């Protein structure tokens, strides 16, 4: 499911802007349709032009009401509305209610089908209730206090460890979220139960919010799309045992995670983002 409203303050008509000759919404639809585990692709929108574009590349449309299309409307509200429409006996097909929801954002133009398949598999096999795309980050984060002074956020400012000595950290990319539908409906937000990371290369973790982001994506596109040796998505380590996964709809099949399910070691970042290869990002003193 791809929420794509027509209003955008940073870049007017953002979801229809092109990267390497394809609109952002079309790129997300193409990635979803190429995934083997995704059965249907739906775009939730209030815009006629977005709806026409989505239909032209094979997506189904759910018309988003005006109340859910404003700046204050959450993505969750659009997703829940679309689920209700799709499973309504009068407007959808209640007998084929989805077990898993894949939420993609058109503003991430480099999502790959194999990344989606790997994340869906982790929810379907009962190992996770929610999986989100995240990229490795070695940044030292600061914030500005009310008095204007700088405050260290994710580190002790008095100690500057080497990158290889720091515990792995990951930043949410916003590219995709995969959730068990039953748990999502109950929690009404995307982070519930056992949450895991789908680690994606930092070089592809572009989230388009303004004109600079769009220019960066356009410049990266030839390099990213020519790279056929990108590694498959990996699983980040989980610090705590999982709670029991949310109950899936009875008409579908789901497996239960085995106790003590081993977790692989944290992956290194094989594709550092070329625009973020600063000394601070790489943990240099």
Protein backbone atom coordinates (compact mmCIF):
# COMPACT_ATOMS: atom_id res chain seq x y z
CA UNK A 1 0.00 0.00 0.00
CA UNK A 2 1.35 3.39 -1.04
CA UNK A 3 -0.21 6.52 0.51
CA UNK A 4 0.31 9.38 -1.97
CA UNK A 5 -1.64 12.53 -1.32
CA UNK A 6 -1.68 15.37 -3.83
CA UNK A 7 -0.72 18.18 -1.45
CA UNK A 8 2.98 18.77 -0.82
CA UNK A 9 4.55 21.87 0.66
CA UNK A 10 8.25 21.17 0.05
CA UNK A 11 7.92 20.09 -3.59
CA UNK A 12 4.58 20.73 -5.33
CA UNK A 13 3.34 17.55 -7.00
CA UNK A 14 6.14 15.62 -5.31
CA UNK A 15 4.75 12.12 -5.82
CA UNK A 16 4.68 12.65 -9.59
CA UNK A 17 8.19 14.08 -9.84
CA UNK A 18 10.55 11.88 -11.83
CA UNK A 19 13.81 10.15 -11.00
CA UNK A 20 15.57 8.52 -13.97
CA UNK A 21 12.51 8.91 -16.19
CA UNK A 22 9.90 7.41 -13.81
CA UNK A 23 7.64 9.16 -11.34
CA UNK A 24 8.18 8.50 -7.65
CA UNK A 25 4.81 6.78 -7.28
CA UNK A 26 5.46 4.61 -10.34
CA UNK A 27 8.85 3.56 -8.98
CA UNK A 28 7.26 2.35 -5.74
CA UNK A 29 4.51 0.52 -7.62
CA UNK A 30 7.08 -1.18 -9.86
CA UNK A 31 9.09 -2.37 -6.84
CA UNK A 32 5.98 -3.76 -5.16
CA UNK A 33 4.72 -5.51 -8.30
CA UNK A 34 8.13 -7.12 -8.79
CA UNK A 35 8.05 -8.61 -5.26
CA UNK A 36 7.06 -12.28 -5.25
CA UNK A 37 5.33 -12.09 -1.85
CA UNK A 38 3.04 -9.15 -2.66
CA UNK A 39 -0.36 -10.12 -4.08
CA UNK A 40 -1.92 -6.69 -4.68
CA UNK A 41 -0.64 -3.11 -4.96
CA UNK A 42 -2.90 -0.29 -3.78
CA UNK A 43 -2.38 3.48 -3.90
CA UNK A 44 -4.36 5.61 -1.45
CA UNK A 45 -4.72 9.10 -2.89
CA UNK A 46 -6.91 12.17 -3.13
CA UNK A 47 -5.36 13.31 -6.42
CA UNK A 48 -6.71 12.58 -9.91
CA UNK A 49 -3.29 12.82 -11.57
CA UNK A 50 -1.73 10.44 -9.04
CA UNK A 51 -4.63 8.02 -9.48
CA UNK A 52 -4.22 8.07 -13.26
CA UNK A 53 -0.47 7.48 -13.00
CA UNK A 54 -0.93 4.64 -10.53
CA UNK A 55 -3.57 2.94 -12.67
CA UNK A 56 -1.34 3.22 -15.74
CA UNK A 57 1.39 1.13 -14.07
CA UNK A 58 -0.87 -1.52 -12.61
CA UNK A 59 -1.98 -0.38 -9.14
CA UNK A 60 -5.44 -0.36 -7.65
CA UNK A 61 -6.81 2.94 -6.29
CA UNK A 62 -8.48 3.72 -2.98
CA UNK A 63 -9.81 7.26 -2.92
CA UNK A 64 -8.70 8.97 0.28
CA UNK A 65 -11.29 11.28 1.86
CA UNK A 66 -10.38 14.93 2.30
CA UNK A 67 -10.32 14.56 6.10
CA UNK A 68 -7.43 12.09 5.77
CA UNK A 69 -5.49 14.02 3.13
CA UNK A 70 -4.41 17.13 5.04
CA UNK A 71 -1.03 18.00 6.51
CA UNK A 72 -2.03 16.74 9.95
CA UNK A 73 -3.33 13.34 8.79
CA UNK A 74 -1.12 10.41 9.75
CA UNK A 75 0.00 7.65 7.42
CA UNK A 76 -1.67 5.17 9.75
CA UNK A 77 -5.06 6.83 9.24
CA UNK A 78 -4.75 6.44 5.46
CA UNK A 79 -3.62 2.83 5.76
CA UNK A 80 -6.45 1.87 8.13
CA UNK A 81 -8.99 3.59 5.90
CA UNK A 82 -7.73 1.72 2.84
CA UNK A 83 -7.82 -1.60 4.70
CA UNK A 84 -11.44 -0.90 5.68
CA UNK A 85 -12.36 -0.11 2.06
CA UNK A 86 -10.61 -3.20 0.71
CA UNK A 87 -12.32 -5.55 3.16
CA UNK A 88 -15.76 -3.93 3.21
CA UNK A 89 -18.39 -6.41 1.94
CA UNK A 90 -19.91 -3.69 -0.26
CA UNK A 91 -16.72 -2.16 -1.69
CA UNK A 92 -14.02 -4.79 -1.34
CA UNK A 93 -13.48 -8.48 -0.72
CA UNK A 94 -13.83 -9.44 2.94
CA UNK A 95 -12.95 -13.07 2.13
CA UNK A 96 -9.39 -12.17 1.07
CA UNK A 97 -8.37 -9.87 3.91
CA UNK A 98 -4.58 -9.50 3.87
CA UNK A 99 -2.49 -11.10 6.59
CA UNK A 100 0.45 -8.75 6.01
CA UNK A 101 0.53 -5.09 4.99
CA UNK A 102 3.53 -3.64 3.17
CA UNK A 103 3.55 0.15 3.56
CA UNK A 104 5.79 1.85 1.00
CA UNK A 105 6.56 5.55 0.71
CA UNK A 106 6.93 6.94 -2.79
CA UNK A 107 9.49 9.43 -1.50
CA UNK A 108 12.06 6.61 -1.26
CA UNK A 109 12.89 5.94 -4.93
CA UNK A 110 15.37 3.07 -4.59
CA UNK A 111 13.38 0.37 -2.80
CA UNK A 112 14.11 -3.10 -4.20
CA UNK A 113 11.70 -6.01 -4.59
CA UNK A 114 14.07 -8.44 -2.84
CA UNK A 115 14.18 -6.16 0.20
CA UNK A 116 10.39 -6.26 0.38
CA UNK A 117 10.28 -10.04 -0.04
CA UNK A 118 12.80 -10.59 2.75
CA UNK A 119 10.88 -8.32 5.14
CA UNK A 120 7.53 -9.95 4.33
CA UNK A 121 9.02 -13.41 4.93
CA UNK A 122 10.12 -12.40 8.43
CA UNK A 123 6.58 -11.38 9.34
CA UNK A 124 4.94 -14.37 7.65
CA UNK A 125 7.17 -16.88 9.43
CA UNK A 126 6.16 -15.43 12.80
CA UNK A 127 9.56 -14.02 13.70
CA UNK A 128 8.45 -10.38 13.72
CA UNK A 129 5.25 -8.38 13.98
CA UNK A 130 6.71 -5.30 12.28
CA UNK A 131 9.80 -4.80 10.12
CA UNK A 132 11.09 -1.39 9.02
CA UNK A 133 13.79 -0.31 6.59
CA UNK A 134 16.85 1.17 8.30
CA UNK A 135 20.33 2.13 7.18
CA UNK A 136 23.56 1.90 9.19
CA UNK A 137 24.59 5.19 10.77
CA UNK A 138 27.80 6.17 12.53
CA UNK A 139 26.79 9.79 13.09
CA UNK A 140 27.32 11.62 16.37
CA UNK A 141 23.96 13.31 16.93
CA UNK A 142 23.54 16.67 18.68
CA UNK A 143 20.59 18.87 19.52
CA UNK A 144 20.35 22.53 20.52
CA UNK A 145 19.07 23.24 24.04
CA UNK A 146 16.75 26.13 24.92
CA UNK A 147 19.74 28.25 25.93
CA UNK A 148 21.40 27.68 22.55
CA UNK A 149 24.04 25.27 23.80
CA UNK A 150 24.79 21.98 22.03
CA UNK A 151 23.83 18.73 23.79
CA UNK A 152 25.13 15.30 22.79
CA UNK A 153 22.28 12.88 22.06
CA UNK A 154 23.58 9.42 21.21
CA UNK A 155 27.06 9.63 22.72
CA UNK A 156 29.14 10.92 25.62
CA UNK A 157 30.72 14.13 24.39
CA UNK A 158 33.72 13.57 26.68
CA UNK A 159 34.54 10.30 24.93
CA UNK A 160 35.11 9.95 21.19
CA UNK A 161 35.34 6.21 20.39
CA UNK A 162 36.43 4.84 17.05
CA UNK A 163 33.65 3.80 14.68
CA UNK A 164 34.56 0.11 15.00
CA UNK A 165 34.34 0.37 18.80
CA UNK A 166 30.79 1.75 18.83
CA UNK A 167 27.67 -0.37 19.06
CA UNK A 168 25.88 -0.48 15.68
CA UNK A 169 23.16 2.11 15.20
CA UNK A 170 20.60 2.45 12.43
CA UNK A 171 18.47 5.29 11.13
CA UNK A 172 14.91 4.75 9.93
CA UNK A 173 14.81 5.43 6.19
CA UNK A 174 11.03 5.61 5.73
CA UNK A 175 11.24 3.45 2.59
CA UNK A 176 9.00 0.63 3.77
CA UNK A 177 7.30 -0.94 6.78
CA UNK A 178 5.90 -4.47 6.86
CA UNK A 179 3.32 -5.24 9.55
CA UNK A 180 1.01 -8.03 10.59
CA UNK A 181 -2.47 -6.68 9.80
CA UNK A 182 -4.24 -8.04 12.89
CA UNK A 183 -1.72 -6.39 15.21
CA UNK A 184 -1.71 -3.17 13.21
CA UNK A 185 -5.49 -2.87 13.43
CA UNK A 186 -5.37 -3.44 17.16
CA UNK A 187 -2.45 -1.10 17.92
CA UNK A 188 -3.41 1.47 15.23
CA UNK A 189 0.25 2.35 14.70
CA UNK A 190 3.06 0.65 12.80
CA UNK A 191 5.39 -0.20 15.71
CA UNK A 192 3.88 -2.95 17.85
CA UNK A 193 4.84 -6.34 19.21
CA UNK A 194 8.26 -7.49 18.11
CA UNK A 195 9.84 -4.85 15.86
CA UNK A 196 12.85 -5.73 13.69
CA UNK A 197 15.03 -3.91 11.16
CA UNK A 198 15.51 -4.61 7.48
CA UNK A 199 18.97 -3.15 6.97
CA UNK A 200 19.34 -1.46 3.58
CA UNK A 201 22.44 0.13 2.02
CA UNK A 202 23.01 3.71 3.13
CA UNK A 203 23.66 4.80 -0.45
CA UNK A 204 20.06 3.99 -1.42
CA UNK A 205 18.47 5.47 1.71
CA UNK A 206 17.28 8.72 0.14
CA UNK A 207 14.03 10.21 1.45
CA UNK A 208 12.84 13.00 -0.83
CA UNK A 209 11.46 15.94 1.12
CA UNK A 210 12.85 18.96 -0.73
CA UNK A 211 14.46 19.98 -4.00
CA UNK A 212 17.95 19.07 -2.79
CA UNK A 213 16.83 15.53 -1.99
CA UNK A 214 15.30 15.22 -5.45
CA UNK A 215 18.51 16.42 -7.10
CA UNK A 216 20.53 13.95 -5.01
CA UNK A 217 18.27 11.06 -6.04
CA UNK A 218 18.55 12.03 -9.71
CA UNK A 219 22.34 12.11 -9.45
CA UNK A 220 22.51 8.77 -7.63
CA UNK A 221 20.03 6.93 -9.87
CA UNK A 222 22.51 5.91 -12.61
CA UNK A 223 24.94 4.55 -10.02
CA UNK A 224 22.33 2.75 -7.93
CA UNK A 225 20.52 1.18 -10.86
CA UNK A 226 23.76 0.05 -12.49
CA UNK A 227 24.87 -1.69 -9.32
CA UNK A 228 23.84 -5.32 -9.75
CA UNK A 229 26.09 -6.57 -6.96
CA UNK A 230 24.14 -5.03 -4.05
CA UNK A 231 23.85 -7.42 -1.15
CA UNK A 232 20.49 -8.88 -0.11
CA UNK A 233 18.90 -7.24 2.93
CA UNK A 234 20.09 -8.54 6.26
CA UNK A 235 18.63 -8.75 9.74
CA UNK A 236 19.84 -6.54 12.55
CA UNK A 237 20.42 -8.15 15.95
CA UNK A 238 17.53 -8.07 18.42
CA UNK A 239 18.38 -7.16 22.02
CA UNK A 240 15.50 -8.94 23.75
CA UNK A 241 13.33 -12.08 23.38
CA UNK A 242 10.20 -11.62 21.31
CA UNK A 243 6.70 -11.41 22.75
CA UNK A 244 4.09 -13.71 21.24
CA UNK A 245 3.25 -12.45 17.72
CA UNK A 246 -0.14 -10.90 17.01
CA UNK A 247 -2.88 -13.30 15.93
CA UNK A 248 -3.29 -13.35 12.15
CA UNK A 249 -6.72 -13.74 10.48
CA UNK A 250 -8.02 -17.30 10.66
CA UNK A 251 -8.32 -17.77 6.94
CA UNK A 252 -4.56 -17.43 6.46
CA UNK A 253 -1.66 -19.52 7.60
CA UNK A 254 1.11 -18.31 9.81
CA UNK A 255 3.92 -20.00 11.66
CA UNK A 256 5.13 -19.40 15.20
CA UNK A 257 8.69 -18.34 15.97
CA UNK A 258 10.80 -21.05 17.54
CA UNK A 259 12.08 -20.24 21.04
CA UNK A 260 15.62 -18.96 21.13
CA UNK A 261 15.60 -18.08 17.47
CA UNK A 262 19.23 -17.10 16.71
CA UNK A 263 19.98 -13.69 15.36
CA UNK A 264 22.80 -12.96 12.90
CA UNK A 265 25.55 -10.53 13.74
CA UNK A 266 25.03 -6.88 12.86
CA UNK A 267 25.98 -6.23 9.23
CA UNK A 268 28.59 -3.79 8.14
CA UNK A 269 27.63 -1.11 5.64
CA UNK A 270 28.93 -2.23 2.22
CA UNK A 271 27.57 0.87 0.46
CA UNK A 272 28.35 4.06 2.39
CA UNK A 273 26.24 6.99 1.22
CA UNK A 274 28.46 9.18 -0.98
CA UNK A 275 26.77 12.36 0.22
CA UNK A 276 27.28 11.47 3.87
CA UNK A 277 30.90 10.30 3.90
CA UNK A 278 32.00 13.06 6.23
CA UNK A 279 34.37 12.58 9.14
CA UNK A 280 31.54 12.90 11.64
CA UNK A 281 29.33 10.40 9.82
CA UNK A 282 32.13 7.82 9.83
CA UNK A 283 32.96 8.32 13.48
CA UNK A 284 36.31 10.06 13.04
CA UNK A 285 37.56 12.21 15.90
